[in-house]
Amino acid sequence: MSDSNVSRLALLRFLEEVQRRDLERTRRWIAAEEQREAERQRGMQARPPVPDWLLERGLNAHSAPVYVHVGGCWNAGKRSGGVARDQALRALAEGVRPAVSQPGEPGAALPAGHTADRGVPRGARGRRTAP
């Protein structure tokens, strides 16, 4: 910057303009992020409540239920749908297997009298099987 035709004041004015543009861009980024956060919050508030019980269907839409899950189960898949408690209990009574509610804890959240071993072959009890 040894050019004698450019004054120090002109250089400072140029720097000021660059910084003003940077500040405007940063403020736009902040406004966009605030809008995304507000939309995320609205989405969280509008989300329907998690059902208390889920029935997981087999691979096709017309197959019988294969697992009963507690609402919010970590292992409930896309083929799971919310059901009332009496429907979940009826499915368990009909032999639908309870899902693993926590890794390593089969049926921990199931109602009393319903065990995770129901419908499992004798040799497979205690072994975790893939859904």
N, C-alpha and C. Protein backbone atom coordinates (compact mmCIF):
# COMPACT_ATOMS: atom_id res chain seq x y z
N MET A 1 0.82 -1.18 0.00
CA MET A 1 0.00 0.00 0.00
C MET A 1 0.87 1.25 0.00
N SER A 2 1.84 1.28 -0.82
CA SER A 2 2.72 2.45 -0.88
C SER A 2 2.29 3.43 -1.97
N ASP A 3 1.12 3.20 -2.57
CA ASP A 3 0.63 4.10 -3.61
C ASP A 3 0.30 5.45 -2.99
N SER A 4 0.94 6.47 -3.45
CA SER A 4 0.76 7.80 -2.87
C SER A 4 -0.55 8.44 -3.29
N ASN A 5 -1.24 7.90 -4.30
CA ASN A 5 -2.50 8.47 -4.76
C ASN A 5 -3.67 8.10 -3.85
N VAL A 6 -3.53 7.05 -3.02
CA VAL A 6 -4.61 6.61 -2.14
C VAL A 6 -4.29 7.10 -0.73
N SER A 7 -5.18 7.89 -0.21
CA SER A 7 -4.93 8.42 1.13
C SER A 7 -5.33 7.40 2.19
N ARG A 8 -4.80 7.61 3.34
CA ARG A 8 -5.15 6.75 4.48
C ARG A 8 -6.64 6.85 4.79
N LEU A 9 -7.20 8.02 4.67
CA LEU A 9 -8.61 8.23 4.92
C LEU A 9 -9.47 7.43 3.93
N ALA A 10 -9.10 7.40 2.67
CA ALA A 10 -9.83 6.64 1.66
C ALA A 10 -9.78 5.14 1.99
N LEU A 11 -8.63 4.66 2.44
CA LEU A 11 -8.50 3.25 2.82
C LEU A 11 -9.40 2.93 4.02
N LEU A 12 -9.44 3.81 4.99
CA LEU A 12 -10.29 3.59 6.15
C LEU A 12 -11.77 3.61 5.77
N ARG A 13 -12.16 4.51 4.84
CA ARG A 13 -13.55 4.54 4.37
C ARG A 13 -13.90 3.23 3.65
N PHE A 14 -12.95 2.71 2.86
CA PHE A 14 -13.17 1.44 2.18
C PHE A 14 -13.36 0.31 3.21
N LEU A 15 -12.50 0.26 4.22
CA LEU A 15 -12.61 -0.74 5.28
C LEU A 15 -13.95 -0.63 5.99
N GLU A 16 -14.37 0.59 6.26
CA GLU A 16 -15.65 0.81 6.91
C GLU A 16 -16.80 0.24 6.08
N GLU A 17 -16.78 0.45 4.77
CA GLU A 17 -17.83 -0.07 3.89
C GLU A 17 -17.83 -1.60 3.87
N VAL A 18 -16.67 -2.22 3.83
CA VAL A 18 -16.57 -3.68 3.86
C VAL A 18 -17.14 -4.22 5.16
N GLN A 19 -16.78 -3.60 6.26
CA GLN A 19 -17.28 -4.05 7.56
C GLN A 19 -18.78 -3.83 7.70
N ARG A 20 -19.31 -2.74 7.13
CA ARG A 20 -20.75 -2.49 7.17
C ARG A 20 -21.49 -3.60 6.42
N ARG A 21 -20.97 -3.98 5.27
CA ARG A 21 -21.60 -5.06 4.50
C ARG A 21 -21.52 -6.39 5.26
N ASP A 22 -20.39 -6.64 5.88
CA ASP A 22 -20.25 -7.86 6.68
C ASP A 22 -21.25 -7.87 7.83
N LEU A 23 -21.41 -6.74 8.49
CA LEU A 23 -22.36 -6.65 9.60
C LEU A 23 -23.79 -6.87 9.12
N GLU A 24 -24.16 -6.29 7.97
CA GLU A 24 -25.50 -6.51 7.41
C GLU A 24 -25.72 -7.99 7.10
N ARG A 25 -24.73 -8.64 6.51
CA ARG A 25 -24.84 -10.06 6.19
C ARG A 25 -24.99 -10.88 7.46
N THR A 26 -24.20 -10.56 8.49
CA THR A 26 -24.30 -11.28 9.76
C THR A 26 -25.68 -11.09 10.38
N ARG A 27 -26.22 -9.90 10.30
CA ARG A 27 -27.56 -9.65 10.84
C ARG A 27 -28.63 -10.43 10.06
N ARG A 28 -28.46 -10.56 8.74
CA ARG A 28 -29.40 -11.39 7.96
C ARG A 28 -29.30 -12.85 8.39
N TRP A 29 -28.10 -13.34 8.62
CA TRP A 29 -27.91 -14.72 9.08
C TRP A 29 -28.60 -14.93 10.44
N ILE A 30 -28.43 -13.95 11.33
CA ILE A 30 -29.05 -14.04 12.65
C ILE A 30 -30.57 -14.06 12.52
N ALA A 31 -31.13 -13.18 11.68
CA ALA A 31 -32.59 -13.13 11.49
C ALA A 31 -33.10 -14.45 10.91
N ALA A 32 -32.39 -15.02 9.95
CA ALA A 32 -32.80 -16.30 9.37
C ALA A 32 -32.75 -17.41 10.41
N GLU A 33 -31.73 -17.42 11.23
CA GLU A 33 -31.61 -18.45 12.27
C GLU A 33 -32.70 -18.29 13.32
N GLU A 34 -33.03 -17.06 13.69
CA GLU A 34 -34.12 -16.83 14.63
C GLU A 34 -35.45 -17.31 14.05
N GLN A 35 -35.67 -17.10 12.75
CA GLN A 35 -36.90 -17.57 12.12
C GLN A 35 -36.94 -19.10 12.12
N ARG A 36 -35.83 -19.76 11.79
CA ARG A 36 -35.79 -21.23 11.81
C ARG A 36 -36.08 -21.76 13.21
N GLU A 37 -35.51 -21.12 14.21
CA GLU A 37 -35.74 -21.56 15.59
C GLU A 37 -37.20 -21.38 16.01
N ALA A 38 -37.79 -20.26 15.60
CA ALA A 38 -39.21 -20.03 15.92
C ALA A 38 -40.09 -21.06 15.23
N GLU A 39 -39.78 -21.41 13.98
CA GLU A 39 -40.54 -22.43 13.27
C GLU A 39 -40.38 -23.79 13.93
N ARG A 40 -39.17 -24.10 14.38
CA ARG A 40 -38.93 -25.37 15.07
C ARG A 40 -39.75 -25.43 16.36
N GLN A 41 -39.78 -24.33 17.10
CA GLN A 41 -40.57 -24.29 18.34
C GLN A 41 -42.06 -24.47 18.06
N ARG A 42 -42.57 -23.81 17.00
CA ARG A 42 -43.98 -23.97 16.64
C ARG A 42 -44.26 -25.42 16.25
N GLY A 43 -43.35 -26.04 15.54
CA GLY A 43 -43.51 -27.44 15.16
C GLY A 43 -43.53 -28.35 16.37
N MET A 44 -42.69 -28.09 17.35
CA MET A 44 -42.67 -28.90 18.56
C MET A 44 -43.97 -28.76 19.34
N GLN A 45 -44.51 -27.56 19.39
CA GLN A 45 -45.76 -27.32 20.12
C GLN A 45 -46.96 -27.92 19.40
N ALA A 46 -46.92 -27.98 18.06
CA ALA A 46 -48.04 -28.50 17.28
C ALA A 46 -47.99 -30.01 17.12
N ARG A 47 -46.90 -30.65 17.53
CA ARG A 47 -46.75 -32.09 17.39
C ARG A 47 -47.77 -32.82 18.26
N PRO A 48 -48.43 -33.83 17.69
CA PRO A 48 -49.40 -34.58 18.51
C PRO A 48 -48.69 -35.35 19.62
N PRO A 49 -49.39 -35.64 20.71
CA PRO A 49 -48.75 -36.36 21.81
C PRO A 49 -48.40 -37.79 21.39
N VAL A 50 -47.37 -38.32 22.02
CA VAL A 50 -46.95 -39.70 21.75
C VAL A 50 -48.01 -40.64 22.30
N PRO A 51 -48.48 -41.62 21.48
CA PRO A 51 -49.48 -42.55 22.00
C PRO A 51 -48.88 -43.41 23.11
N ASP A 52 -49.76 -43.91 24.00
CA ASP A 52 -49.28 -44.74 25.11
C ASP A 52 -48.86 -46.13 24.64
N TRP A 53 -49.49 -46.62 23.57
CA TRP A 53 -49.21 -47.97 23.08
C TRP A 53 -49.13 -47.95 21.56
N LEU A 54 -48.29 -48.83 21.00
CA LEU A 54 -48.13 -48.95 19.56
C LEU A 54 -48.22 -50.41 19.16
N LEU A 55 -48.81 -50.66 18.00
CA LEU A 55 -48.79 -51.99 17.40
C LEU A 55 -47.94 -51.90 16.14
N GLU A 56 -46.98 -52.78 16.02
CA GLU A 56 -46.13 -52.82 14.84
C GLU A 56 -46.61 -53.93 13.92
N ARG A 57 -46.89 -53.57 12.69
CA ARG A 57 -47.36 -54.53 11.68
C ARG A 57 -46.17 -55.20 11.01
N GLY A 58 -46.46 -56.30 10.32
CA GLY A 58 -45.44 -57.00 9.55
C GLY A 58 -45.03 -56.21 8.32
N LEU A 59 -44.39 -56.87 7.37
CA LEU A 59 -43.83 -56.18 6.22
C LEU A 59 -44.87 -55.62 5.25
N ASN A 60 -46.05 -56.23 5.15
CA ASN A 60 -47.04 -55.62 4.26
C ASN A 60 -48.18 -55.02 5.09
N ALA A 61 -48.94 -54.15 4.45
CA ALA A 61 -49.96 -53.38 5.17
C ALA A 61 -51.09 -54.24 5.73
N HIS A 62 -51.28 -55.45 5.19
CA HIS A 62 -52.40 -56.29 5.60
C HIS A 62 -51.99 -57.38 6.59
N SER A 63 -50.74 -57.39 6.99
CA SER A 63 -50.29 -58.45 7.90
C SER A 63 -50.71 -58.16 9.33
N ALA A 64 -50.72 -59.20 10.12
CA ALA A 64 -51.10 -59.08 11.53
C ALA A 64 -49.99 -58.37 12.30
N PRO A 65 -50.32 -57.82 13.47
CA PRO A 65 -49.29 -57.18 14.29
C PRO A 65 -48.23 -58.19 14.73
N VAL A 66 -46.99 -57.72 14.80
CA VAL A 66 -45.91 -58.59 15.24
C VAL A 66 -45.35 -58.20 16.60
N TYR A 67 -45.48 -56.93 16.99
CA TYR A 67 -44.97 -56.47 18.28
C TYR A 67 -45.92 -55.44 18.88
N VAL A 68 -45.96 -55.42 20.21
CA VAL A 68 -46.63 -54.37 20.96
C VAL A 68 -45.53 -53.53 21.60
N HIS A 69 -45.57 -52.23 21.35
CA HIS A 69 -44.57 -51.31 21.90
C HIS A 69 -45.22 -50.37 22.90
N VAL A 70 -44.47 -49.95 23.88
CA VAL A 70 -44.89 -48.87 24.77
C VAL A 70 -44.66 -47.57 24.01
N GLY A 71 -45.53 -46.59 24.18
CA GLY A 71 -45.38 -45.31 23.49
C GLY A 71 -44.01 -44.71 23.74
N GLY A 72 -43.39 -44.19 22.70
CA GLY A 72 -42.06 -43.61 22.82
C GLY A 72 -40.95 -44.64 22.81
N CYS A 73 -41.27 -45.89 22.49
CA CYS A 73 -40.28 -46.97 22.48
C CYS A 73 -39.17 -46.64 21.48
N TRP A 74 -37.95 -46.88 21.87
CA TRP A 74 -36.80 -46.61 21.01
C TRP A 74 -36.79 -47.52 19.79
N ASN A 75 -37.51 -48.63 19.85
CA ASN A 75 -37.43 -49.64 18.81
C ASN A 75 -38.66 -49.65 17.90
N ALA A 76 -39.59 -48.74 18.09
CA ALA A 76 -40.80 -48.72 17.25
C ALA A 76 -40.42 -48.22 15.86
N GLY A 77 -40.86 -48.93 14.85
CA GLY A 77 -40.50 -48.58 13.48
C GLY A 77 -41.60 -47.81 12.77
N LYS A 78 -41.39 -47.63 11.47
CA LYS A 78 -42.34 -46.88 10.64
C LYS A 78 -43.67 -47.61 10.51
N ARG A 79 -43.68 -48.90 10.72
CA ARG A 79 -44.92 -49.68 10.56
C ARG A 79 -45.73 -49.71 11.86
N SER A 80 -45.38 -48.88 12.82
CA SER A 80 -46.08 -48.86 14.11
C SER A 80 -47.14 -47.78 14.11
N GLY A 81 -48.28 -48.08 14.74
CA GLY A 81 -49.35 -47.11 14.87
C GLY A 81 -49.90 -47.11 16.28
N GLY A 82 -50.37 -45.96 16.73
CA GLY A 82 -50.89 -45.82 18.08
C GLY A 82 -52.20 -46.58 18.27
N VAL A 83 -52.36 -47.18 19.43
CA VAL A 83 -53.59 -47.90 19.78
C VAL A 83 -53.93 -47.61 21.24
N ALA A 84 -55.17 -47.90 21.59
CA ALA A 84 -55.61 -47.75 22.97
C ALA A 84 -55.04 -48.89 23.82
N ARG A 85 -55.06 -48.71 25.12
CA ARG A 85 -54.50 -49.71 26.05
C ARG A 85 -55.22 -51.05 25.91
N ASP A 86 -56.55 -51.01 25.78
CA ASP A 86 -57.28 -52.28 25.67
C ASP A 86 -56.93 -53.03 24.39
N GLN A 87 -56.65 -52.31 23.30
CA GLN A 87 -56.23 -52.97 22.07
C GLN A 87 -54.85 -53.61 22.24
N ALA A 88 -53.96 -52.92 22.93
CA ALA A 88 -52.63 -53.46 23.18
C ALA A 88 -52.72 -54.71 24.05
N LEU A 89 -53.53 -54.67 25.09
CA LEU A 89 -53.70 -55.83 25.96
C LEU A 89 -54.33 -57.00 25.21
N ARG A 90 -55.29 -56.71 24.35
CA ARG A 90 -55.92 -57.75 23.55
C ARG A 90 -54.90 -58.40 22.62
N ALA A 91 -54.05 -57.59 22.00
CA ALA A 91 -53.02 -58.13 21.11
C ALA A 91 -52.05 -59.02 21.88
N LEU A 92 -51.67 -58.59 23.09
CA LEU A 92 -50.78 -59.41 23.91
C LEU A 92 -51.45 -60.74 24.27
N ALA A 93 -52.74 -60.69 24.59
CA ALA A 93 -53.47 -61.90 24.95
C ALA A 93 -53.59 -62.84 23.76
N GLU A 94 -53.60 -62.27 22.55
CA GLU A 94 -53.70 -63.08 21.34
C GLU A 94 -52.35 -63.61 20.88
N GLY A 95 -51.29 -63.32 21.62
CA GLY A 95 -49.99 -63.88 21.30
C GLY A 95 -49.02 -62.96 20.59
N VAL A 96 -49.38 -61.69 20.38
CA VAL A 96 -48.45 -60.75 19.78
C VAL A 96 -47.33 -60.49 20.79
N ARG A 97 -46.11 -60.54 20.34
CA ARG A 97 -44.97 -60.40 21.25
C ARG A 97 -44.75 -58.96 21.69
N PRO A 98 -44.42 -58.76 22.95
CA PRO A 98 -44.05 -57.40 23.40
C PRO A 98 -42.66 -57.07 22.87
N ALA A 99 -42.47 -55.83 22.51
CA ALA A 99 -41.17 -55.40 22.01
C ALA A 99 -40.21 -55.19 23.17
N VAL A 100 -38.94 -55.13 22.86
CA VAL A 100 -37.92 -54.81 23.85
C VAL A 100 -38.09 -53.34 24.17
N SER A 101 -38.40 -53.01 25.43
CA SER A 101 -38.69 -51.63 25.78
C SER A 101 -37.44 -50.82 26.05
N GLN A 102 -36.41 -51.45 26.54
CA GLN A 102 -35.11 -50.82 26.75
C GLN A 102 -34.09 -51.84 26.27
N PRO A 103 -32.97 -51.40 25.74
CA PRO A 103 -31.99 -52.39 25.32
C PRO A 103 -31.65 -53.33 26.47
N GLY A 104 -31.89 -54.60 26.26
CA GLY A 104 -31.57 -55.59 27.29
C GLY A 104 -32.65 -55.82 28.32
N GLU A 105 -33.78 -55.11 28.26
CA GLU A 105 -34.86 -55.26 29.24
C GLU A 105 -36.17 -55.56 28.52
N PRO A 106 -36.41 -56.81 28.11
CA PRO A 106 -37.63 -57.11 27.39
C PRO A 106 -38.88 -56.84 28.23
N GLY A 107 -39.81 -56.10 27.66
CA GLY A 107 -41.12 -55.89 28.27
C GLY A 107 -41.11 -55.18 29.60
N ALA A 108 -40.11 -54.38 29.89
CA ALA A 108 -40.00 -53.76 31.21
C ALA A 108 -41.19 -52.86 31.54
N ALA A 109 -41.80 -52.24 30.53
CA ALA A 109 -42.89 -51.31 30.80
C ALA A 109 -44.26 -51.91 30.54
N LEU A 110 -44.33 -53.23 30.33
CA LEU A 110 -45.61 -53.86 30.05
C LEU A 110 -46.42 -54.03 31.33
N PRO A 111 -47.75 -54.12 31.20
CA PRO A 111 -48.59 -54.31 32.38
C PRO A 111 -48.27 -55.62 33.08
N ALA A 112 -48.58 -55.69 34.36
CA ALA A 112 -48.33 -56.90 35.13
C ALA A 112 -49.05 -58.08 34.50
N GLY A 113 -48.42 -59.23 34.49
CA GLY A 113 -49.03 -60.43 33.94
C GLY A 113 -48.65 -60.68 32.49
N HIS A 114 -47.99 -59.73 31.86
CA HIS A 114 -47.56 -59.90 30.47
C HIS A 114 -46.05 -59.95 30.45
N THR A 115 -45.51 -61.04 30.01
CA THR A 115 -44.06 -61.18 30.01
C THR A 115 -43.53 -61.09 28.61
N ALA A 116 -42.28 -60.75 28.50
CA ALA A 116 -41.63 -60.64 27.20
C ALA A 116 -41.37 -62.00 26.60
N ASP A 117 -41.47 -63.09 27.39
CA ASP A 117 -41.20 -64.42 26.87
C ASP A 117 -42.41 -65.04 26.20
N ARG A 118 -43.58 -64.42 26.31
CA ARG A 118 -44.79 -64.99 25.71
C ARG A 118 -44.59 -65.14 24.20
N GLY A 119 -44.83 -66.31 23.69
CA GLY A 119 -44.73 -66.57 22.26
C GLY A 119 -43.32 -66.80 21.76
N VAL A 120 -42.34 -66.82 22.64
CA VAL A 120 -40.96 -67.04 22.24
C VAL A 120 -40.63 -68.51 22.43
N PRO A 121 -40.03 -69.15 21.42
CA PRO A 121 -39.65 -70.56 21.60
C PRO A 121 -38.74 -70.72 22.81
N ARG A 122 -38.87 -71.86 23.50
CA ARG A 122 -38.17 -72.08 24.75
C ARG A 122 -36.66 -71.83 24.62
N GLY A 123 -36.04 -72.29 23.58
CA GLY A 123 -34.59 -72.12 23.42
C GLY A 123 -34.17 -70.69 23.13
N ALA A 124 -35.11 -69.85 22.71
CA ALA A 124 -34.76 -68.47 22.33
C ALA A 124 -34.94 -67.49 23.47
N ARG A 125 -35.47 -67.90 24.61
CA ARG A 125 -35.69 -66.96 25.72
C ARG A 125 -34.36 -66.40 26.21
N GLY A 126 -34.39 -65.12 26.50
CA GLY A 126 -33.18 -64.45 27.00
C GLY A 126 -32.28 -63.97 25.88
N ARG A 127 -32.50 -64.42 24.67
CA ARG A 127 -31.71 -63.99 23.52
C ARG A 127 -32.45 -62.87 22.83
N ARG A 128 -31.76 -61.83 22.46
CA ARG A 128 -32.40 -60.73 21.75
C ARG A 128 -32.49 -61.10 20.28
N THR A 129 -33.68 -61.00 19.73
CA THR A 129 -33.86 -61.30 18.32
C THR A 129 -34.21 -60.04 17.57
N ALA A 130 -33.82 -60.00 16.32
CA ALA A 130 -34.11 -58.82 15.50
C ALA A 130 -35.59 -58.80 15.16
N PRO A 131 -36.21 -57.60 15.13
CA PRO A 131 -37.64 -57.50 14.78
C PRO A 131 -37.89 -57.87 13.34
